[in-house]
Amino acid sequence: MSIICAQKYDLDLTGAIESPSADLPYFVKGTELEADAVTALLATIPAVYGGLPFQRYHLKHQGGGVWDATVSYGKAEQRGLDPSGSGSAGPGGVTTSYAFEVGMTSVNLKVALQLIGAYGFEPPVFDTAINVGKDNEVAGVDIDVPTYTWSETVYLPDSAVTDGYKGNLLTVAAAPVNDGVFRGLAAGEVRFLGCSGSKKGSDEWELTFRFAAQPNRLNMAPPGFDDAIPKDGWDYVWYYFAEQVDTTTNTLVRKPTAAYVVRVYDRSDFTLLGIGS
């Protein structure tokens, strides 16, 4: 049975209203799970009603997979929600803070983008292999590559942070790469780094979600390879180095002859996080 969420009666969502607040009735049917009902509700309600931003919701289970919902809008509070998915919506809360960092991290690179030149007395050519030792071991070189990380903080009512919702967080943590578009980034580009939570008072949770991004690359093509190598952001590529004879110097050298793209992180549906897409 599919989950349905709708207004209890037709509402004019376009005009401005003079009141500083408004409560709109909705219903959800087709699920006994509160987390699923919350997800359906947040995917349906507008971010703004009559010029008033979203503030909060209240769900009450009526039995038989039916939920009554009251969705509140108003200007009195600053905690709102963009349930359209373009913002950072959470079940019953909103991203009240967003922090990001574009920095650098060190990785070991064994295959260069290009061989610029080989100099000396009849130097053997290793194509793009980096730092090949006397035993033909490829040591590579540590370089800095850009990284993009960010965090989002949401406030949720105690009723939203159920055991089922915590289980959803664990599901994503066990398969931490996005299987669909998330925050405008393509499938395979975002990695979920975890979520920390603390309860504020008796009825509110503060949750901070952490993410990192790596771009998908469709045209990795080291010199000597006939085909481009497609690699999603959090997949891993490694190279096989074969020993060959450099006929110019009559030296046994090791060159990259094959590339393998492997998946090292499982993927999951990030809508399980309940913070939109």
Protein backbone atom coordinates (compact mmCIF):
# COMPACT_ATOMS: atom_id res chain seq x y z
CA MET A 1 0.00 0.00 0.00
CA SER A 2 1.44 3.37 -0.99
CA ILE A 3 1.71 6.25 1.48
CA ILE A 4 -0.56 9.21 0.76
CA CYS A 5 -0.26 12.70 2.24
CA ALA A 6 -2.71 15.50 1.45
CA GLN A 7 -4.46 18.57 2.81
CA LYS A 8 -7.71 17.92 4.62
CA TYR A 9 -9.30 20.60 2.47
CA ASP A 10 -8.19 22.89 -0.36
CA LEU A 11 -5.96 25.75 0.73
CA ASP A 12 -4.95 28.96 -1.00
CA LEU A 13 -1.15 28.80 -0.84
CA THR A 14 -0.47 31.88 -2.97
CA GLY A 15 -1.86 34.93 -1.22
CA ALA A 16 -0.52 36.78 1.79
CA ILE A 17 -2.36 36.60 5.10
CA GLU A 18 -2.47 39.23 7.81
CA SER A 19 -2.31 36.90 10.79
CA PRO A 20 1.19 36.31 12.27
CA SER A 21 0.56 32.56 12.29
CA ALA A 22 -1.50 29.81 10.70
CA ASP A 23 -2.17 26.12 11.41
CA LEU A 24 -3.01 23.88 8.45
CA PRO A 25 -4.56 20.39 8.74
CA TYR A 26 -3.09 17.48 6.77
CA PHE A 27 -3.47 13.73 6.88
CA VAL A 28 -1.15 10.84 6.08
CA LYS A 29 -2.33 7.31 5.46
CA GLY A 30 -0.74 4.05 4.43
CA THR A 31 1.89 3.50 7.14
CA GLU A 32 2.14 2.54 10.80
CA LEU A 33 5.67 3.97 11.05
CA GLU A 34 6.01 7.54 12.30
CA ALA A 35 9.31 8.05 10.45
CA ASP A 36 7.62 7.20 7.14
CA ALA A 37 4.69 9.47 7.95
CA VAL A 38 7.10 12.32 8.73
CA THR A 39 8.95 11.80 5.44
CA ALA A 40 5.71 11.86 3.46
CA LEU A 41 4.48 14.96 5.28
CA LEU A 42 7.68 16.95 4.74
CA ALA A 43 7.74 16.00 1.08
CA THR A 44 4.21 17.41 0.65
CA ILE A 45 3.83 20.58 2.66
CA PRO A 46 4.89 23.97 1.25
CA ALA A 47 7.84 25.86 2.64
CA VAL A 48 5.77 29.04 2.86
CA TYR A 49 2.02 29.58 3.36
CA GLY A 50 0.53 33.03 2.82
CA GLY A 51 3.95 34.59 3.17
CA LEU A 52 4.59 32.82 6.49
CA PRO A 53 7.53 30.40 6.80
CA PHE A 54 7.08 26.89 8.13
CA GLN A 55 7.66 26.52 11.88
CA ARG A 56 6.73 23.03 13.08
CA TYR A 57 4.37 20.10 12.71
CA HIS A 58 2.46 17.81 15.06
CA LEU A 59 1.51 14.22 14.17
CA LYS A 60 -1.06 12.04 15.91
CA HIS A 61 -1.64 8.41 15.00
CA GLN A 62 -5.32 7.55 14.57
CA GLY A 63 -4.74 3.85 13.97
CA GLY A 64 -5.07 1.80 10.83
CA GLY A 65 -2.12 3.53 9.21
CA VAL A 66 -3.81 6.96 9.39
CA TRP A 67 -2.15 10.05 10.90
CA ASP A 68 -3.58 13.49 11.56
CA ALA A 69 -1.09 16.33 11.12
CA THR A 70 -1.12 19.99 12.05
CA VAL A 71 1.42 22.12 10.21
CA SER A 72 2.21 25.50 11.75
CA TYR A 73 3.43 28.62 9.96
CA GLY A 74 4.40 31.93 11.51
CA LYS A 75 6.89 34.77 11.87
CA ALA A 76 7.34 34.67 15.61
CA GLU A 77 10.13 32.09 15.61
CA GLN A 78 13.23 31.81 13.47
CA ARG A 79 13.32 28.04 13.32
CA GLY A 80 11.64 27.07 10.12
CA LEU A 81 11.94 24.45 7.46
CA ASP A 82 12.37 24.29 3.73
CA PRO A 83 10.48 21.07 3.01
CA SER A 84 10.82 21.54 -0.73
CA GLY A 85 14.04 19.55 -0.69
CA SER A 86 16.14 22.47 -1.97
CA GLY A 87 17.09 23.38 1.57
CA SER A 88 18.13 21.30 4.51
CA ALA A 89 14.88 20.06 5.89
CA GLY A 90 14.66 17.73 8.86
CA PRO A 91 11.70 15.87 10.36
CA GLY A 92 10.14 18.55 12.49
CA GLY A 93 13.13 20.87 12.36
CA VAL A 94 15.36 22.91 10.11
CA THR A 95 18.96 23.51 9.41
CA THR A 96 19.64 26.30 11.85
CA SER A 97 23.34 26.34 11.05
CA TYR A 98 25.35 25.29 8.05
CA ALA A 99 29.15 25.15 7.99
CA PHE A 100 31.45 24.09 5.18
CA GLU A 101 35.14 23.84 4.44
CA VAL A 102 37.07 23.53 1.20
CA GLY A 103 40.50 22.28 2.18
CA MET A 104 43.24 19.89 1.21
CA THR A 105 44.07 16.32 2.14
CA SER A 106 47.10 14.19 1.34
CA VAL A 107 46.87 11.15 -0.94
CA ASN A 108 49.48 8.87 -2.48
CA LEU A 109 49.56 9.15 -6.26
CA LYS A 110 51.26 6.33 -8.18
CA VAL A 111 50.34 7.37 -11.73
CA ALA A 112 51.00 10.88 -13.04
CA LEU A 113 48.72 12.84 -15.31
CA GLN A 114 51.53 13.30 -17.82
CA LEU A 115 55.21 12.52 -18.29
CA ILE A 116 56.90 15.84 -19.07
CA GLY A 117 60.39 14.52 -19.73
CA ALA A 118 63.09 12.00 -18.81
CA TYR A 119 66.65 13.25 -18.47
CA GLY A 120 70.11 11.84 -17.81
CA PHE A 121 72.23 9.19 -19.46
CA GLU A 122 69.81 6.93 -21.34
CA PRO A 123 67.08 7.08 -18.66
CA PRO A 124 64.60 4.20 -18.75
CA VAL A 125 61.06 5.35 -19.40
CA PHE A 126 58.35 4.23 -16.97
CA ASP A 127 55.55 6.09 -18.75
CA THR A 128 53.54 7.73 -15.92
CA ALA A 129 54.60 5.52 -12.99
CA ILE A 130 56.00 7.68 -10.18
CA ASN A 131 59.10 6.96 -8.09
CA VAL A 132 59.95 3.49 -9.37
CA GLY A 133 62.67 1.97 -7.20
CA LYS A 134 65.52 -0.29 -8.10
CA ASP A 135 63.36 -3.35 -7.43
CA ASN A 136 60.69 -1.90 -9.72
CA GLU A 137 58.42 -1.10 -6.79
CA VAL A 138 56.21 1.93 -7.45
CA ALA A 139 56.36 4.18 -4.40
CA GLY A 140 54.31 7.06 -5.83
CA VAL A 141 54.28 10.51 -4.26
CA ASP A 142 52.11 12.15 -1.60
CA ILE A 143 50.22 15.13 -3.00
CA ASP A 144 47.47 17.41 -1.71
CA VAL A 145 44.01 17.19 -3.30
CA PRO A 146 41.01 19.43 -2.59
CA THR A 147 38.26 18.25 -0.27
CA TYR A 148 34.79 19.63 0.41
CA THR A 149 33.14 18.91 3.74
CA TRP A 150 30.10 20.43 5.41
CA SER A 151 27.77 20.03 8.37
CA GLU A 152 24.10 20.78 8.90
CA THR A 153 22.38 21.19 12.27
CA VAL A 154 18.67 20.54 12.72
CA TYR A 155 16.32 20.69 15.70
CA LEU A 156 13.79 17.89 15.99
CA PRO A 157 10.94 17.22 18.41
CA ASP A 158 11.41 14.24 20.68
CA SER A 159 8.60 12.40 18.87
CA ALA A 160 10.59 12.41 15.62
CA VAL A 161 13.75 10.81 17.01
CA THR A 162 12.30 7.33 17.30
CA ASP A 163 14.13 4.00 17.37
CA GLY A 164 13.07 3.58 13.75
CA TYR A 165 14.61 6.92 12.81
CA LYS A 166 17.85 6.05 14.61
CA GLY A 167 17.83 2.79 12.68
CA ASN A 168 17.58 4.79 9.45
CA LEU A 169 20.68 6.75 10.45
CA LEU A 170 22.53 3.49 11.02
CA THR A 171 21.37 2.17 7.65
CA VAL A 172 22.88 5.19 5.89
CA ALA A 173 26.05 5.03 7.99
CA ALA A 174 26.54 1.41 6.89
CA ALA A 175 26.12 2.41 3.22
CA PRO A 176 27.37 5.99 3.36
CA VAL A 177 27.39 7.09 -0.29
CA ASN A 178 24.32 8.68 -1.90
CA ASP A 179 22.43 6.58 -4.44
CA GLY A 180 20.57 9.61 -5.82
CA VAL A 181 20.96 13.37 -6.13
CA PHE A 182 21.65 14.99 -2.75
CA ARG A 183 22.10 18.72 -2.19
CA GLY A 184 22.55 19.13 -5.93
CA LEU A 185 25.37 16.57 -6.09
CA ALA A 186 25.09 13.49 -8.30
CA ALA A 187 24.81 9.91 -7.07
CA GLY A 188 28.19 8.65 -5.93
CA GLU A 189 29.57 12.08 -4.98
CA VAL A 190 28.46 12.49 -1.33
CA ARG A 191 29.65 10.47 1.65
CA PHE A 192 27.78 10.56 4.96
CA LEU A 193 30.35 11.03 7.74
CA GLY A 194 27.96 10.59 10.64
CA CYS A 195 25.45 12.31 12.87
CA SER A 196 25.69 13.41 16.49
CA GLY A 197 22.71 14.30 18.62
CA SER A 198 21.90 15.75 22.00
CA LYS A 199 18.59 16.37 23.67
CA LYS A 200 17.71 19.92 24.61
CA GLY A 201 15.24 20.06 27.48
CA SER A 202 12.43 17.56 27.47
CA ASP A 203 11.10 17.75 23.93
CA GLU A 204 13.79 18.82 21.46
CA TRP A 205 16.85 17.21 19.90
CA GLU A 206 19.78 18.94 18.24
CA LEU A 207 21.30 16.79 15.48
CA THR A 208 24.39 17.64 13.45
CA PHE A 209 24.93 15.82 10.16
CA ARG A 210 28.37 15.72 8.51
CA PHE A 211 29.14 15.10 4.84
CA ALA A 212 32.04 15.11 2.40
CA ALA A 213 32.00 15.33 -1.39
CA GLN A 214 34.23 14.09 -4.19
CA PRO A 215 33.32 14.76 -7.85
CA ASN A 216 32.49 11.99 -10.28
CA ARG A 217 35.02 11.77 -13.10
CA LEU A 218 34.03 10.37 -16.48
CA ASN A 219 37.18 10.96 -18.48
CA MET A 220 40.20 9.83 -16.51
CA ALA A 221 42.62 8.84 -19.27
CA PRO A 222 46.26 8.29 -18.29
CA PRO A 223 48.69 8.37 -21.23
CA GLY A 224 48.94 4.98 -22.89
CA PHE A 225 45.38 3.93 -22.08
CA ASP A 226 43.06 3.57 -25.05
CA ASP A 227 39.84 4.19 -23.12
CA ALA A 228 38.80 6.84 -20.62
CA ILE A 229 38.29 5.55 -17.09
CA PRO A 230 34.92 6.50 -15.53
CA LYS A 231 35.16 6.78 -11.75
CA ASP A 232 32.44 7.90 -9.34
CA GLY A 233 33.55 10.17 -6.54
CA TRP A 234 33.87 7.64 -3.72
CA ASP A 235 34.84 4.63 -5.83
CA TYR A 236 38.53 3.75 -5.91
CA VAL A 237 40.86 3.27 -8.86
CA TRP A 238 44.06 1.27 -8.69
CA TYR A 239 46.63 0.41 -11.33
CA TYR A 240 48.41 -2.75 -12.32
CA PHE A 241 52.06 -2.30 -13.19
CA ALA A 242 53.65 -4.79 -15.59
CA GLU A 243 57.34 -5.30 -16.13
CA GLN A 244 58.47 -4.61 -19.63
CA VAL A 245 61.80 -4.22 -21.40
CA ASP A 246 62.73 -0.70 -22.38
CA THR A 247 64.33 -1.48 -25.74
CA THR A 248 66.18 1.84 -25.82
CA THR A 249 68.15 1.15 -22.65
CA ASN A 250 67.64 -2.63 -22.48
CA THR A 251 66.33 -2.13 -18.96
CA LEU A 252 63.50 -3.94 -17.22
CA VAL A 253 60.95 -1.28 -16.26
CA ARG A 254 57.52 -1.27 -14.65
CA LYS A 255 54.70 0.59 -16.39
CA PRO A 256 50.97 1.03 -15.67
CA THR A 257 49.15 -1.28 -18.07
CA ALA A 258 45.68 -1.70 -16.52
CA ALA A 259 43.32 0.25 -14.28
CA TYR A 260 40.60 -1.12 -12.02
CA VAL A 261 37.69 0.86 -10.61
CA VAL A 262 36.26 -0.77 -7.49
CA ARG A 263 33.43 0.13 -5.12
CA VAL A 264 34.59 0.35 -1.52
CA TYR A 265 31.52 2.02 0.03
CA ASP A 266 27.93 0.76 -0.30
CA ARG A 267 25.22 3.23 -1.30
CA SER A 268 21.91 4.11 0.28
CA ASP A 269 18.92 6.41 -0.02
CA PHE A 270 19.77 9.64 1.81
CA THR A 271 16.09 10.52 2.21
CA LEU A 272 16.26 8.08 5.14
CA LEU A 273 18.10 10.87 6.98
CA GLY A 274 14.86 12.84 6.92
CA ILE A 275 16.54 16.13 5.93
CA GLY A 276 15.34 16.37 2.35
CA SER A 277 17.40 15.87 -0.77
